[in-house]
């Protein structure tokens, strides 16, 4: 009798799962590499960090192409929301996001004598961490 009840319960669970719509995530997951930091403000905590999103070869194009120290990067975004533990050049990171600016963002109101800024899209991060 137990086996009949168990089999019936299993069938109900399986058929119930088959009638479900696929899960729609409300964020996009990407992986990238920290490649640069803008130098714009004397308070460096307000500067943008640049992330190259080509760590996974199948990632759609989200960002812009830039040249940094002679190296060409083809899918770069910037953010002010990078966690302190991820602010290290070469660090591999992951992001969950819902939004990237439609157009490249110009960094304005710099207060250092020789600012270094990049005209790339801005990513708005929901969750982040170190990519393994």
Protein backbone atom coordinates (compact mmCIF):
# COMPACT_ATOMS: atom_id res chain seq x y z
CA UNK A 1 0.00 0.00 0.00
CA UNK A 2 2.87 2.38 0.85
CA UNK A 3 4.44 1.81 -2.56
CA UNK A 4 1.15 2.62 -4.32
CA UNK A 5 0.79 5.86 -2.33
CA UNK A 6 4.42 6.78 -2.97
CA UNK A 7 4.09 6.08 -6.70
CA UNK A 8 0.85 8.12 -6.85
CA UNK A 9 2.46 11.04 -5.02
CA UNK A 10 5.46 10.93 -7.34
CA UNK A 11 3.21 11.00 -10.41
CA UNK A 12 1.28 14.00 -9.06
CA UNK A 13 4.54 15.86 -8.45
CA UNK A 14 5.89 15.02 -11.91
CA UNK A 15 2.71 15.97 -13.75
CA UNK A 16 2.37 19.13 -11.67
CA UNK A 17 5.90 20.16 -12.59
CA UNK A 18 5.26 19.55 -16.29
CA UNK A 19 2.44 22.09 -16.37
CA UNK A 20 4.58 24.89 -14.97
CA UNK A 21 5.91 27.75 -17.09
CA UNK A 22 9.69 28.06 -17.26
CA UNK A 23 11.24 30.18 -14.55
CA UNK A 24 11.81 33.74 -15.75
CA UNK A 25 14.70 35.35 -13.92
CA UNK A 26 14.38 39.08 -13.37
CA UNK A 27 18.12 39.64 -13.80
CA UNK A 28 20.96 38.84 -16.17
CA UNK A 29 24.14 37.14 -15.00
CA UNK A 30 27.52 38.08 -16.52
CA UNK A 31 31.15 37.45 -15.68
CA UNK A 32 34.05 39.75 -16.38
CA UNK A 33 37.47 41.04 -15.46
CA UNK A 34 38.29 44.31 -13.72
CA UNK A 35 40.51 46.12 -16.23
CA UNK A 36 40.83 49.77 -15.14
CA UNK A 37 39.73 52.56 -12.83
CA UNK A 38 38.88 56.04 -13.93
CA UNK A 39 40.78 58.84 -12.25
CA UNK A 40 38.38 61.75 -11.88
CA UNK A 41 37.93 62.68 -8.23
CA UNK A 42 40.21 63.36 -5.31
CA UNK A 43 37.79 61.11 -3.41
CA UNK A 44 38.63 57.92 -5.34
CA UNK A 45 35.69 56.02 -3.85
CA UNK A 46 33.42 57.94 -6.27
CA UNK A 47 35.37 56.96 -9.41
CA UNK A 48 34.11 54.42 -11.94
CA UNK A 49 35.70 50.99 -12.38
CA UNK A 50 35.80 49.35 -15.81
CA UNK A 51 34.83 45.73 -16.34
CA UNK A 52 35.49 43.68 -19.50
CA UNK A 53 32.55 41.28 -19.92
CA UNK A 54 34.27 38.78 -22.22
CA UNK A 55 35.22 36.24 -19.53
CA UNK A 56 32.51 33.90 -20.87
CA UNK A 57 32.82 33.54 -24.65
CA UNK A 58 29.02 33.26 -25.19
CA UNK A 59 28.15 36.56 -23.45
CA UNK A 60 26.08 38.92 -25.62
CA UNK A 61 27.63 42.31 -26.41
CA UNK A 62 26.55 44.75 -23.67
CA UNK A 63 29.36 47.28 -23.53
CA UNK A 64 31.69 49.38 -25.62
CA UNK A 65 35.06 48.88 -27.27
CA UNK A 66 37.94 50.79 -25.65
CA UNK A 67 41.72 50.82 -25.81
CA UNK A 68 43.58 50.89 -22.50
CA UNK A 69 47.39 51.00 -22.48
CA UNK A 70 47.46 49.69 -26.05
CA UNK A 71 45.15 46.73 -25.35
CA UNK A 72 41.75 46.59 -27.08
CA UNK A 73 38.76 45.46 -25.04
CA UNK A 74 35.49 44.82 -26.90
CA UNK A 75 32.73 44.61 -24.25
CA UNK A 76 33.44 47.12 -21.50
CA UNK A 77 31.04 48.66 -18.98
CA UNK A 78 31.70 50.86 -15.98
CA UNK A 79 30.25 51.06 -12.49
CA UNK A 80 30.60 53.00 -9.26
CA UNK A 81 28.95 50.11 -7.40
CA UNK A 82 31.95 47.74 -7.32
CA UNK A 83 32.48 46.22 -3.87
CA UNK A 84 35.77 47.17 -2.17
CA UNK A 85 37.01 43.53 -2.16
CA UNK A 86 36.61 43.41 -5.97
CA UNK A 87 38.52 46.63 -6.70
CA UNK A 88 41.64 44.92 -7.97
CA UNK A 89 42.91 44.96 -11.56
CA UNK A 90 42.68 41.49 -13.10
CA UNK A 91 40.08 40.27 -10.59
CA UNK A 92 37.41 38.02 -12.13
CA UNK A 93 33.92 39.07 -11.05
CA UNK A 94 30.29 38.14 -11.61
CA UNK A 95 27.29 40.45 -11.70
CA UNK A 96 23.55 40.07 -11.64
CA UNK A 97 22.00 43.12 -13.26
CA UNK A 98 18.76 44.33 -14.77
CA UNK A 99 19.94 47.45 -16.49
CA UNK A 100 22.81 48.89 -18.50
CA UNK A 101 22.60 52.48 -19.75
CA UNK A 102 21.37 52.77 -23.33
CA UNK A 103 24.23 55.07 -24.28
CA UNK A 104 27.82 55.51 -23.13
CA UNK A 105 28.12 57.63 -19.98
CA UNK A 106 30.47 60.61 -19.92
CA UNK A 107 32.18 61.20 -16.59
CA UNK A 108 31.70 64.85 -15.64
CA UNK A 109 32.82 67.26 -12.91
CA UNK A 110 36.28 65.80 -12.39
CA UNK A 111 38.35 67.58 -9.78
CA UNK A 112 41.84 66.16 -10.45
CA UNK A 113 44.31 67.95 -12.68
CA UNK A 114 44.67 65.19 -15.32
CA UNK A 115 41.49 63.07 -15.34
CA UNK A 116 41.42 59.70 -17.10
CA UNK A 117 37.88 58.78 -18.11
CA UNK A 118 36.23 56.45 -20.62
CA UNK A 119 33.05 56.86 -22.63
CA UNK A 120 31.35 53.48 -22.04
CA UNK A 121 27.97 52.24 -20.84
CA UNK A 122 27.19 52.04 -17.12
CA UNK A 123 26.02 48.80 -15.49
CA UNK A 124 23.68 48.94 -12.48
CA UNK A 125 24.51 45.97 -10.25
CA UNK A 126 22.01 43.96 -8.20
CA UNK A 127 24.47 41.37 -6.85
CA UNK A 128 28.20 40.84 -7.30
CA UNK A 129 31.04 38.66 -6.21
CA UNK A 130 34.33 37.11 -7.19
CA UNK A 131 34.05 34.70 -10.11
CA UNK A 132 35.93 31.47 -9.64
